[in-house]
PDB file of all heavy atoms in Angstrom:
ATOM      1  N   ILE A   1      57.969-136.345  35.376  1.00  0.00           N
ATOM      2  CA  ILE A   1      58.208-135.364  36.439  1.00  0.00           C
ATOM      3  C   ILE A   1      57.385-135.696  37.672  1.00  0.00           C
ATOM      4  O   ILE A   1      57.883-135.634  38.805  1.00  0.00           O
ATOM      5  CB  ILE A   1      57.891-133.941  35.934  1.00  0.00           C
ATOM      6  CG1 ILE A   1      58.889-133.524  34.859  1.00  0.00           C
ATOM      7  CG2 ILE A   1      57.915-132.942  37.094  1.00  0.00           C
ATOM      8  CD1 ILE A   1      58.533-132.214  34.169  1.00  0.00           C
ATOM      9  N   ALA A   2      56.131-136.068  37.479  1.00  0.00           N
ATOM     10  CA  ALA A   2      55.277-136.398  38.623  1.00  0.00           C
ATOM     11  C   ALA A   2      55.859-137.574  39.404  1.00  0.00           C
ATOM     12  O   ALA A   2      55.855-137.577  40.647  1.00  0.00           O
ATOM     13  CB  ALA A   2      53.863-136.721  38.143  1.00  0.00           C
ATOM     14  N   GLU A   3      56.368-138.587  38.698  1.00  0.00           N
ATOM     15  CA  GLU A   3      56.969-139.726  39.389  1.00  0.00           C
ATOM     16  C   GLU A   3      58.197-139.301  40.179  1.00  0.00           C
ATOM     17  O   GLU A   3      58.382-139.700  41.340  1.00  0.00           O
ATOM     18  CB  GLU A   3      57.353-140.814  38.377  1.00  0.00           C
ATOM     19  CG  GLU A   3      57.971-142.036  39.040  1.00  0.00           C
ATOM     20  CD  GLU A   3      58.500-143.060  38.053  1.00  0.00           C
ATOM     21  OE1 GLU A   3      58.593-142.765  36.846  1.00  0.00           O
ATOM     22  OE2 GLU A   3      58.841-144.173  38.512  1.00  0.00           O
ATOM     23  N   ALA A   4      59.063-138.483  39.572  1.00  0.00           N
ATOM     24  CA  ALA A   4      60.278-138.044  40.251  1.00  0.00           C
ATOM     25  C   ALA A   4      59.952-137.210  41.489  1.00  0.00           C
ATOM     26  O   ALA A   4      60.569-137.384  42.548  1.00  0.00           O
ATOM     27  CB  ALA A   4      61.154-137.247  39.291  1.00  0.00           C
ATOM     28  N   LEU A   5      58.980-136.317  41.376  1.00  0.00           N
ATOM     29  CA  LEU A   5      58.604-135.472  42.513  1.00  0.00           C
ATOM     30  C   LEU A   5      57.983-136.296  43.636  1.00  0.00           C
ATOM     31  O   LEU A   5      58.226-136.033  44.821  1.00  0.00           O
ATOM     32  CB  LEU A   5      57.641-134.375  42.059  1.00  0.00           C
ATOM     33  CG  LEU A   5      58.242-133.274  41.187  1.00  0.00           C
ATOM     34  CD1 LEU A   5      57.148-132.320  40.716  1.00  0.00           C
ATOM     35  CD2 LEU A   5      59.325-132.505  41.932  1.00  0.00           C
ATOM     36  N   ALA A   6      57.170-137.291  43.275  1.00  0.00           N
ATOM     37  CA  ALA A   6      56.563-138.141  44.299  1.00  0.00           C
ATOM     38  C   ALA A   6      57.645-138.899  45.066  1.00  0.00           C
ATOM     39  O   ALA A   6      57.592-139.007  46.301  1.00  0.00           O
ATOM     40  CB  ALA A   6      55.575-139.114  43.653  1.00  0.00           C
ATOM     41  N   GLN A   7      58.642-139.425  44.363  1.00  0.00           N
ATOM     42  CA  GLN A   7      59.719-140.141  45.044  1.00  0.00           C
ATOM     43  C   GLN A   7      60.527-139.197  45.929  1.00  0.00           C
ATOM     44  O   GLN A   7      60.972-139.574  47.018  1.00  0.00           O
ATOM     45  CB  GLN A   7      60.633-140.812  44.027  1.00  0.00           C
ATOM     46  CG  GLN A   7      61.705-141.683  44.683  1.00  0.00           C
ATOM     47  CD  GLN A   7      62.534-142.438  43.671  1.00  0.00           C
ATOM     48  OE1 GLN A   7      62.798-141.942  42.572  1.00  0.00           O
ATOM     49  NE2 GLN A   7      62.944-143.649  44.015  1.00  0.00           N
ATOM     50  N   ALA A   8      60.711-137.965  45.478  1.00  0.00           N
ATOM     51  CA  ALA A   8      61.477-136.994  46.248  1.00  0.00           C
ATOM     52  C   ALA A   8      60.697-136.437  47.431  1.00  0.00           C
ATOM     53  O   ALA A   8      61.271-135.777  48.299  1.00  0.00           O
ATOM     54  CB  ALA A   8      61.921-135.850  45.343  1.00  0.00           C
ATOM     55  N   GLY A   9      59.388-136.686  47.470  1.00  0.00           N
ATOM     56  CA  GLY A   9      58.565-136.138  48.538  1.00  0.00           C
ATOM     57  C   GLY A   9      58.364-134.645  48.405  1.00  0.00           C
ATOM     58  O   GLY A   9      58.303-133.922  49.405  1.00  0.00           O
ATOM     59  N   MET A  10      58.238-134.155  47.158  1.00  0.00           N
ATOM     60  CA  MET A  10      58.064-132.723  46.890  1.00  0.00           C
ATOM     61  C   MET A  10      56.862-132.540  45.966  1.00  0.00           C
ATOM     62  O   MET A  10      57.010-132.322  44.767  1.00  0.00           O
ATOM     63  CB  MET A  10      59.334-132.140  46.265  1.00  0.00           C
ATOM     64  CG  MET A  10      60.580-132.339  47.115  1.00  0.00           C
ATOM     65  SD  MET A  10      62.091-131.702  46.341  1.00  0.00           S
ATOM     66  CE  MET A  10      61.895-129.938  46.633  1.00  0.00           C
ATOM     67  N   PRO A  11      55.648-132.635  46.506  1.00  0.00           N
ATOM     68  CA  PRO A  11      54.461-132.613  45.660  1.00  0.00           C
ATOM     69  C   PRO A  11      54.184-131.268  45.001  1.00  0.00           C
ATOM     70  O   PRO A  11      53.438-131.207  44.029  1.00  0.00           O
ATOM     71  CB  PRO A  11      53.337-132.997  46.628  1.00  0.00           C
ATOM     72  CG  PRO A  11      53.839-132.562  47.967  1.00  0.00           C
ATOM     73  CD  PRO A  11      55.325-132.800  47.940  1.00  0.00           C
ATOM     74  N   GLY A  12      54.741-130.196  45.518  1.00  0.00           N
ATOM     75  CA  GLY A  12      54.539-128.888  44.899  1.00  0.00           C
ATOM     76  C   GLY A  12      53.864-127.909  45.837  1.00  0.00           C
ATOM     77  O   GLY A  12      53.312-128.318  46.855  1.00  0.00           O
ATOM     78  N   PRO A  13      53.933-126.614  45.494  1.00  0.00           N
ATOM     79  CA  PRO A  13      54.694-126.058  44.379  1.00  0.00           C
ATOM     80  C   PRO A  13      56.177-126.365  44.519  1.00  0.00           C
ATOM     81  O   PRO A  13      56.702-126.419  45.623  1.00  0.00           O
ATOM     82  CB  PRO A  13      54.434-124.554  44.469  1.00  0.00           C
ATOM     83  CG  PRO A  13      53.235-124.404  45.356  1.00  0.00           C
ATOM     84  CD  PRO A  13      53.244-125.568  46.285  1.00  0.00           C
ATOM     85  N   PHE A  14      56.845-126.532  43.380  1.00  0.00           N
ATOM     86  CA  PHE A  14      58.258-126.912  43.422  1.00  0.00           C
ATOM     87  C   PHE A  14      59.111-125.659  43.577  1.00  0.00           C
ATOM     88  O   PHE A  14      59.005-124.724  42.760  1.00  0.00           O
ATOM     89  CB  PHE A  14      58.652-127.661  42.152  1.00  0.00           C
ATOM     90  CG  PHE A  14      60.060-128.182  42.194  1.00  0.00           C
ATOM     91  CD1 PHE A  14      60.362-129.330  42.912  1.00  0.00           C
ATOM     92  CD2 PHE A  14      61.085-127.516  41.540  1.00  0.00           C
ATOM     93  CE1 PHE A  14      61.670-129.807  42.975  1.00  0.00           C
ATOM     94  CE2 PHE A  14      62.386-127.980  41.595  1.00  0.00           C
ATOM     95  CZ  PHE A  14      62.679-129.135  42.316  1.00  0.00           C
ATOM     96  N   PRO A  15      60.001-125.616  44.563  1.00  0.00           N
ATOM     97  CA  PRO A  15      60.728-124.384  44.871  1.00  0.00           C
ATOM     98  C   PRO A  15      62.005-124.171  44.079  1.00  0.00           C
ATOM     99  O   PRO A  15      63.000-123.651  44.594  1.00  0.00           O
ATOM    100  CB  PRO A  15      61.044-124.567  46.364  1.00  0.00           C
ATOM    101  CG  PRO A  15      61.224-126.037  46.527  1.00  0.00           C
ATOM    102  CD  PRO A  15      60.234-126.666  45.574  1.00  0.00           C
ATOM    103  N   GLY A  16      62.017-124.587  42.823  1.00  0.00           N
ATOM    104  CA  GLY A  16      63.201-124.425  41.987  1.00  0.00           C
ATOM    105  C   GLY A  16      62.815-124.399  40.530  1.00  0.00           C
ATOM    106  O   GLY A  16      61.636-124.532  40.170  1.00  0.00           O
ATOM    107  N   PRO A  17      63.796-124.237  39.632  1.00  0.00           N
ATOM    108  CA  PRO A  17      63.493-124.111  38.200  1.00  0.00           C
ATOM    109  C   PRO A  17      63.286-125.456  37.510  1.00  0.00           C
ATOM    110  O   PRO A  17      63.643-126.511  38.031  1.00  0.00           O
ATOM    111  CB  PRO A  17      64.747-123.425  37.652  1.00  0.00           C
ATOM    112  CG  PRO A  17      65.846-123.912  38.548  1.00  0.00           C
ATOM    113  CD  PRO A  17      65.226-124.041  39.924  1.00  0.00           C
ATOM    114  N   LEU A  18      62.724-125.379  36.299  1.00  0.00           N
ATOM    115  CA  LEU A  18      62.586-126.522  35.398  1.00  0.00           C
ATOM    116  C   LEU A  18      63.582-126.343  34.263  1.00  0.00           C
ATOM    117  O   LEU A  18      63.598-125.304  33.600  1.00  0.00           O
ATOM    118  CB  LEU A  18      61.173-126.602  34.836  1.00  0.00           C
ATOM    119  CG  LEU A  18      60.951-127.630  33.710  1.00  0.00           C
ATOM    120  CD1 LEU A  18      61.005-129.046  34.259  1.00  0.00           C
ATOM    121  CD2 LEU A  18      59.622-127.393  33.007  1.00  0.00           C
ATOM    122  N   CYS A  19      64.416-127.360  34.024  1.00  0.00           N
ATOM    123  CA  CYS A  19      65.343-127.391  32.891  1.00  0.00           C
ATOM    124  C   CYS A  19      65.025-128.651  32.106  1.00  0.00           C
ATOM    125  O   CYS A  19      65.216-129.761  32.616  1.00  0.00           O
ATOM    126  CB  CYS A  19      66.791-127.401  33.374  1.00  0.00           C
ATOM    127  SG  CYS A  19      67.231-126.066  34.515  1.00  0.00           S
ATOM    128  N   PHE A  20      64.563-128.504  30.876  1.00  0.00           N
ATOM    129  CA  PHE A  20      64.009-129.668  30.183  1.00  0.00           C
ATOM    130  C   PHE A  20      64.438-129.679  28.731  1.00  0.00           C
ATOM    131  O   PHE A  20      64.340-128.680  28.008  1.00  0.00           O
ATOM    132  CB  PHE A  20      62.480-129.626  30.271  1.00  0.00           C
ATOM    133  CG  PHE A  20      61.847-130.977  30.477  1.00  0.00           C
ATOM    134  CD1 PHE A  20      62.062-131.696  31.645  1.00  0.00           C
ATOM    135  CD2 PHE A  20      61.047-131.535  29.503  1.00  0.00           C
ATOM    136  CE1 PHE A  20      61.490-132.940  31.853  1.00  0.00           C
ATOM    137  CE2 PHE A  20      60.456-132.787  29.698  1.00  0.00           C
ATOM    138  CZ  PHE A  20      60.685-133.488  30.874  1.00  0.00           C
ATOM    139  N   GLY A  21      64.930-130.841  28.286  1.00  0.00           N
ATOM    140  CA  GLY A  21      65.293-131.036  26.892  1.00  0.00           C
ATOM    141  C   GLY A  21      64.076-131.399  26.065  1.00  0.00           C
ATOM    142  O   GLY A  21      63.329-132.308  26.420  1.00  0.00           O
ATOM    143  N   LEU A  22      63.895-130.698  24.961  1.00  0.00           N
ATOM    144  CA  LEU A  22      62.729-130.906  24.100  1.00  0.00           C
ATOM    145  C   LEU A  22      63.138-130.829  22.632  1.00  0.00           C
ATOM    146  O   LEU A  22      64.040-130.066  22.278  1.00  0.00           O
ATOM    147  CB  LEU A  22      61.655-129.846  24.379  1.00  0.00           C
ATOM    148  CG  LEU A  22      60.965-129.928  25.739  1.00  0.00           C
ATOM    149  CD1 LEU A  22      60.204-128.641  26.027  1.00  0.00           C
ATOM    150  CD2 LEU A  22      60.021-131.120  25.799  1.00  0.00           C
ATOM    151  N   PRO A  23      62.476-131.589  21.767  1.00  0.00           N
ATOM    152  CA  PRO A  23      62.789-131.527  20.340  1.00  0.00           C
ATOM    153  C   PRO A  23      62.100-130.329  19.686  1.00  0.00           C
ATOM    154  O   PRO A  23      61.083-129.837  20.196  1.00  0.00           O
ATOM    155  CB  PRO A  23      62.210-132.836  19.807  1.00  0.00           C
ATOM    156  CG  PRO A  23      61.028-133.089  20.700  1.00  0.00           C
ATOM    157  CD  PRO A  23      61.432-132.591  22.065  1.00  0.00           C
ATOM    158  N   PRO A  24      62.616-129.855  18.557  1.00  0.00           N
ATOM    159  CA  PRO A  24      61.990-128.713  17.868  1.00  0.00           C
ATOM    160  C   PRO A  24      60.807-129.160  17.019  1.00  0.00           C
ATOM    161  O   PRO A  24      60.762-128.956  15.801  1.00  0.00           O
ATOM    162  CB  PRO A  24      63.141-128.178  17.011  1.00  0.00           C
ATOM    163  CG  PRO A  24      63.943-129.401  16.691  1.00  0.00           C
ATOM    164  CD  PRO A  24      63.878-130.276  17.911  1.00  0.00           C
TER     165      PRO A  24
END
């Protein structure tokens, strides 16, 4: 996520939701 945000030029706070796939 940090890499993606740095490339997007959006260091934070991020003005949208987080949708993330995770294992149980």
